[in-house]
C-alpha atoms as a PDB file:
ATOM      1  CA  MET A   1     108.119 198.116  48.441  1.00  0.00           C
ATOM      2  CA  ARG A   2     108.374 195.018  45.941  1.00  0.00           C
ATOM      3  CA  VAL A   3     107.817 195.576  42.270  1.00  0.00           C
ATOM      4  CA  GLU A   4     105.760 192.840  41.460  1.00  0.00           C
ATOM      5  CA  THR A   5     102.627 193.099  43.802  1.00  0.00           C
ATOM      6  CA  PRO A   6      99.232 193.374  42.420  1.00  0.00           C
ATOM      7  CA  GLU A   7      99.142 197.163  42.979  1.00  0.00           C
ATOM      8  CA  THR A   8     102.445 197.625  40.938  1.00  0.00           C
ATOM      9  CA  GLU A   9     100.950 194.980  38.043  1.00  0.00           C
ATOM     10  CA  LYS A  10      98.034 197.314  37.824  1.00  0.00           C
ATOM     11  CA  LEU A  11      99.948 200.308  37.479  1.00  0.00           C
ATOM     12  CA  PHE A  12     102.386 198.624  34.777  1.00  0.00           C
ATOM     13  CA  LYS A  13      99.351 197.828  32.830  1.00  0.00           C
ATOM     14  CA  ALA A  14      97.476 200.347  32.579  1.00  0.00           C
ATOM     15  CA  ILE A  15     100.683 202.461  31.490  1.00  0.00           C
ATOM     16  CA  LEU A  16     100.829 199.389  28.740  1.00  0.00           C
ATOM     17  CA  GLY A  17      97.265 200.376  28.030  1.00  0.00           C
ATOM     18  CA  LEU A  18      98.386 204.167  27.037  1.00  0.00           C
ATOM     19  CA  GLU A  19      97.919 204.344  23.303  1.00  0.00           C
ATOM     20  CA  SER A  20      99.905 208.370  22.356  1.00  0.00           C
ATOM     21  CA  LEU A  21     102.392 210.475  23.790  1.00  0.00           C
ATOM     22  CA  GLU A  22      99.739 212.483  24.781  1.00  0.00           C
ATOM     23  CA  GLU A  23      97.979 209.933  26.814  1.00  0.00           C
ATOM     24  CA  ALA A  24     101.318 208.926  28.423  1.00  0.00           C
ATOM     25  CA  LYS A  25     101.243 212.875  28.986  1.00  0.00           C
ATOM     26  CA  ALA A  26      98.344 213.240  30.665  1.00  0.00           C
ATOM     27  CA  PHE A  27      98.684 209.863  33.176  1.00  0.00           C
ATOM     28  CA  PHE A  28     102.184 211.106  33.993  1.00  0.00           C
ATOM     29  CA  ARG A  29     100.892 214.031  35.358  1.00  0.00           C
ATOM     30  CA  ASP A  30      98.524 213.286  37.064  1.00  0.00           C
ATOM     31  CA  LEU A  31     100.234 209.968  38.490  1.00  0.00           C
ATOM     32  CA  LEU A  32     103.157 212.832  39.325  1.00  0.00           C
ATOM     33  CA  THR A  33     103.925 215.992  40.472  1.00  0.00           C
ATOM     34  CA  GLN A  34     105.880 217.857  37.992  1.00  0.00           C
ATOM     35  CA  ASN A  35     109.345 218.093  40.094  1.00  0.00           C
ATOM     36  CA  GLU A  36     108.863 213.816  39.739  1.00  0.00           C
ATOM     37  CA  ILE A  37     108.194 213.614  36.021  1.00  0.00           C
ATOM     38  CA  GLU A  38     111.397 215.995  35.887  1.00  0.00           C
ATOM     39  CA  GLU A  39     113.635 213.836  37.628  1.00  0.00           C
ATOM     40  CA  PHE A  40     112.814 210.627  36.045  1.00  0.00           C
ATOM     41  CA  ALA A  41     113.474 212.306  32.745  1.00  0.00           C
ATOM     42  CA  VAL A  42     116.678 213.602  33.526  1.00  0.00           C
ATOM     43  CA  ARG A  43     117.812 210.064  35.014  1.00  0.00           C
ATOM     44  CA  PHE A  44     116.767 208.792  31.621  1.00  0.00           C
ATOM     45  CA  LYS A  45     118.691 211.215  30.330  1.00  0.00           C
ATOM     46  CA  ALA A  46     121.401 210.217  32.126  1.00  0.00           C
ATOM     47  CA  ALA A  47     121.246 206.548  31.041  1.00  0.00           C
ATOM     48  CA  CYS A  48     120.484 207.499  27.956  1.00  0.00           C
ATOM     49  CA  MET A  49     124.284 209.552  28.048  1.00  0.00           C
ATOM     50  CA  LEU A  50     125.837 206.873  30.014  1.00  0.00           C
ATOM     51  CA  SER A  51     125.108 204.577  26.978  1.00  0.00           C
ATOM     52  CA  ASP A  52     126.742 206.770  24.671  1.00  0.00           C
ATOM     53  CA  GLY A  53     129.546 206.896  26.708  1.00  0.00           C
ATOM     54  CA  ILE A  54     129.686 210.214  28.223  1.00  0.00           C
ATOM     55  CA  PRO A  55     132.105 210.560  31.332  1.00  0.00           C
ATOM     56  CA  TYR A  56     130.371 210.961  34.321  1.00  0.00           C
ATOM     57  CA  ILE A  57     131.588 214.624  34.938  1.00  0.00           C
ATOM     58  CA  GLN A  58     129.444 216.041  32.043  1.00  0.00           C
ATOM     59  CA  ILE A  59     126.605 214.300  32.933  1.00  0.00           C
ATOM     60  CA  GLN A  60     126.617 215.665  36.271  1.00  0.00           C
ATOM     61  CA  LYS A  61     127.618 219.089  34.571  1.00  0.00           C
ATOM     62  CA  GLU A  62     124.715 218.617  32.416  1.00  0.00           C
ATOM     63  CA  THR A  63     122.585 217.143  34.737  1.00  0.00           C
ATOM     64  CA  GLY A  64     122.660 218.405  38.119  1.00  0.00           C
ATOM     65  CA  LEU A  65     122.969 214.760  39.657  1.00  0.00           C
ATOM     66  CA  SER A  66     125.620 213.907  41.771  1.00  0.00           C
ATOM     67  CA  SER A  67     128.077 211.088  41.417  1.00  0.00           C
ATOM     68  CA  THR A  68     126.259 208.764  43.393  1.00  0.00           C
ATOM     69  CA  THR A  69     122.875 209.174  42.088  1.00  0.00           C
ATOM     70  CA  VAL A  70     124.886 208.558  38.483  1.00  0.00           C
ATOM     71  CA  ALA A  71     126.635 205.475  40.004  1.00  0.00           C
ATOM     72  CA  ARG A  72     123.562 204.028  40.169  1.00  0.00           C
ATOM     73  CA  ILE A  73     121.952 204.461  37.442  1.00  0.00           C
ATOM     74  CA  SER A  74     124.941 203.193  35.820  1.00  0.00           C
ATOM     75  CA  LYS A  75     124.998 199.980  37.991  1.00  0.00           C
ATOM     76  CA  TRP A  76     121.378 199.511  37.173  1.00  0.00           C
ATOM     77  CA  LEU A  77     122.216 200.527  33.028  1.00  0.00           C
ATOM     78  CA  ASN A  78     124.753 197.928  33.587  1.00  0.00           C
ATOM     79  CA  SER A  79     123.919 195.477  36.155  1.00  0.00           C
ATOM     80  CA  GLY A  80     120.077 195.741  36.360  1.00  0.00           C
ATOM     81  CA  MET A  81     117.194 193.805  34.495  1.00  0.00           C
ATOM     82  CA  GLU A  82     117.807 195.281  31.126  1.00  0.00           C
ATOM     83  CA  GLY A  83     115.258 198.364  31.230  1.00  0.00           C
ATOM     84  CA  TYR A  84     116.845 200.918  30.911  1.00  0.00           C
ATOM     85  CA  LYS A  85     118.861 199.374  27.506  1.00  0.00           C
ATOM     86  CA  LEU A  86     115.418 198.399  26.363  1.00  0.00           C
ATOM     87  CA  ALA A  87     114.117 200.952  26.734  1.00  0.00           C
ATOM     88  CA  ILE A  88     117.113 203.252  25.087  1.00  0.00           C
ATOM     89  CA  LYS A  89     116.833 200.782  22.323  1.00  0.00           C
ATOM     90  CA  ARG A  90     113.332 201.607  21.310  1.00  0.00           C
ATOM     91  CA  VAL A  91     113.684 205.406  22.212  1.00  0.00           C
ATOM     92  CA  HIS A  92     116.521 205.683  20.273  1.00  0.00           C
ATOM     93  CA  HIS A  93     115.222 203.474  17.354  1.00  0.00           C
ATOM     94  CA  GLY A  94     112.461 205.708  17.320  1.00  0.00           C
ATOM     95  CA  ASP A  95     113.966 208.382  16.549  1.00  0.00           C
ATOM     96  CA  SER A  96     115.540 206.873  13.032  1.00  0.00           C
END
C-alpha cells in the first residue's frame, strides 16, 4: 500500500490531532496490538541507538532485532525521508 492514500492521510491527521501522551497511548493501544506497539518501540530505540553511533552488534543484543532489521532501520535513518531523524531530534530536545 502506498503511504499517500486518503486512508493514510486520515490516519496521520488523527495522530496529529492527539493532544497528550495519554491520548496517544490510548489511541495506539486501540489501533495496534501490544506486540505491535512493542515492535515499533524497539525499532525506534534501534534508530536512536544508531543515531548515537552504537554498533549493530550491540543494538542486536539489546533489542533482539535481527541484523537485517537493524540494517533496514539504518538505511531509512540515513537515506530515508528524514522521519527518524526528525523524531529523534524532537524526542531528545523534549528530554532536555
